[in-house]
Structure formats: C-alpha cells, structure tokens
Amino acid sequence: MNMKYTLFNSGSIPLTWELVNNTTWISAYPMSGSILPQLTGSVDVNINIIGNTLPIGNYTSSLQFINKTNQGTTTRLITLVINPPSGVAILSVYPTSTVIFTGPVGGPFMN
C-alpha cells in the first residue's frame, strides 16, 4: 500500500524540511527537502517488508515533519491493522489533512 503526503509552503521564503521516521514497518521517501514559496513537495509512505511480515494485530506509530526553517514540528499518527484470517495489511493515517508549514522565520508554526 502506498500513501502520499503533500507538503505546502504557504510562506514567502524557501522552506527546508526533514522527516523523522522511527517506525520499522514503513518506509518513507524522501526524508528531507526544500520547497519554494507557494509550491508543494511530497513524501511517499509504504508498508515495507517488515510490515508485510508482522503477525495479526494493531500497530501504531507516528511520523514527524520538521520545519527546519521555522523550527516547527507536525506529527502524523500511523496505524497498521493486520486482520485475521487473511492477514491483509491496511495503512491508516490520522489526521488525513495535508501538512502545511506556515509562519515567519523564527515565528510560530502551525498546520
């Protein structure tokens, strides 16, 4: 299963971001980047080989999107549910909204 996060720089200066993924059962790419003002970037998130071999159950983790320009962080919860009897993997992400980096340099960060 593949999911895509869209990152939007709503500010007036270039923005540098970084992704922190402490989850062993998903892979994300790219892990960092820059976005020009009023443009978007994207991050692909996939269940990896570890996620495809987990036993039946519920697994929860999170991804942190760090605004390196304004020092803000946005966290997205990720839940993987592997149901019996088929063992099909389902990736759920909450909230489902786009990650939006905003705020003046050195100012507050909101999404």
Protein backbone atom coordinates (compact mmCIF):
# COMPACT_ATOMS: atom_id res chain seq x y z
CA MET A 1 0.00 0.00 0.00
CA ASN A 2 1.30 3.44 -0.91
CA MET A 3 0.28 6.78 0.61
CA LYS A 4 1.45 10.23 -0.34
CA TYR A 5 1.76 13.28 1.90
CA THR A 6 1.64 16.67 0.20
CA LEU A 7 3.69 19.42 1.84
CA PHE A 8 2.88 23.04 1.01
CA ASN A 9 5.00 26.13 1.70
CA SER A 10 2.41 28.87 2.24
CA GLY A 11 5.11 31.37 3.22
CA SER A 12 7.07 33.89 1.19
CA ILE A 13 10.57 32.38 1.63
CA PRO A 14 12.02 28.94 0.78
CA LEU A 15 11.40 26.28 3.41
CA THR A 16 13.63 23.34 4.36
CA TRP A 17 12.02 20.29 5.98
CA GLU A 18 13.04 16.93 7.40
CA LEU A 19 11.09 13.76 8.15
CA VAL A 20 11.72 11.66 11.27
CA ASN A 21 10.52 8.06 10.83
CA ASN A 22 11.05 5.88 13.92
CA THR A 23 8.70 3.21 12.56
CA THR A 24 10.31 -0.08 11.49
CA TRP A 25 7.35 -1.28 9.42
CA ILE A 26 7.06 1.64 6.97
CA SER A 27 9.47 3.32 4.60
CA ALA A 28 9.25 6.97 3.54
CA TYR A 29 10.96 8.87 0.72
CA PRO A 30 12.32 11.50 0.53
CA MET A 31 13.39 12.10 4.12
CA SER A 32 14.13 15.82 3.61
CA GLY A 33 13.87 18.58 1.07
CA SER A 34 13.25 22.21 0.25
CA ILE A 35 10.08 23.85 -1.02
CA LEU A 36 9.92 27.23 -2.72
CA PRO A 37 7.23 29.72 -1.61
CA GLN A 38 3.67 28.81 -2.63
CA LEU A 39 4.77 25.43 -4.05
CA THR A 40 4.38 21.83 -2.89
CA GLY A 41 6.54 18.80 -2.23
CA SER A 42 5.56 15.23 -1.49
CA VAL A 43 6.58 12.24 0.61
CA ASP A 44 5.71 8.65 -0.33
CA VAL A 45 5.00 6.26 2.56
CA ASN A 46 4.88 2.48 2.01
CA ILE A 47 4.49 -0.61 4.15
CA ASN A 48 7.89 -2.30 3.92
CA ILE A 49 8.98 -5.96 4.17
CA ILE A 50 8.82 -5.84 7.98
CA GLY A 51 5.24 -4.55 7.86
CA ASN A 52 4.30 -7.30 5.42
CA THR A 53 5.55 -9.99 7.82
CA LEU A 54 4.05 -8.74 11.11
CA PRO A 55 1.63 -11.04 12.94
CA ILE A 56 -2.06 -10.23 13.15
CA GLY A 57 -2.66 -7.19 15.35
CA ASN A 58 -2.74 -3.38 15.56
CA TYR A 59 0.45 -1.33 15.29
CA THR A 60 0.67 2.41 15.92
CA SER A 61 3.49 4.87 15.35
CA SER A 62 3.99 8.38 14.01
CA LEU A 63 5.94 10.44 11.51
CA GLN A 64 7.34 13.85 12.42
CA PHE A 65 7.60 16.53 9.75
CA ILE A 66 10.12 19.12 10.97
CA ASN A 67 10.16 22.63 9.55
CA LYS A 68 13.92 23.34 9.64
CA THR A 69 13.36 26.96 8.54
CA ASN A 70 10.98 27.91 11.36
CA GLN A 71 11.78 25.09 13.81
CA GLY A 72 8.20 23.75 13.97
CA THR A 73 7.10 20.12 14.05
CA THR A 74 3.95 18.44 12.77
CA THR A 75 3.24 14.84 13.81
CA ARG A 76 1.04 12.39 11.92
CA LEU A 77 -0.22 9.19 13.57
CA ILE A 78 0.09 5.99 11.54
CA THR A 79 -1.87 2.84 12.34
CA LEU A 80 -1.29 -0.53 10.70
CA VAL A 81 -4.05 -3.11 11.20
CA ILE A 82 -3.45 -6.71 10.15
CA ASN A 83 -6.74 -8.59 10.34
CA PRO A 84 -7.40 -12.31 10.53
CA PRO A 85 -7.89 -14.57 8.69
CA SER A 86 -6.45 -13.07 5.52
CA GLY A 87 -3.62 -11.10 7.20
CA VAL A 88 -4.09 -8.22 4.76
CA ALA A 89 -2.13 -5.10 5.77
CA ILE A 90 -4.01 -1.78 5.92
CA LEU A 91 -2.23 1.55 6.43
CA SER A 92 -4.26 4.32 8.07
CA VAL A 93 -3.02 7.85 8.68
CA TYR A 94 -4.68 10.38 11.01
CA PRO A 95 -5.41 13.18 10.55
CA THR A 96 -5.73 12.89 6.82
CA SER A 97 -5.12 16.57 6.10
CA THR A 98 -2.20 17.96 4.15
CA VAL A 99 0.82 19.04 6.17
CA ILE A 100 1.14 22.83 5.74
CA PHE A 101 4.15 24.72 7.04
CA THR A 102 3.44 28.37 7.87
CA GLY A 103 4.81 31.23 9.90
CA PRO A 104 7.52 33.87 9.71
CA VAL A 105 11.15 32.96 10.15
CA GLY A 106 11.68 32.41 13.86
CA GLY A 107 7.92 32.64 14.42
CA PRO A 108 5.28 30.14 15.43
CA PHE A 109 4.49 27.10 13.31
CA MET A 110 1.01 25.86 12.50
CA ASN A 111 -0.51 23.19 10.27
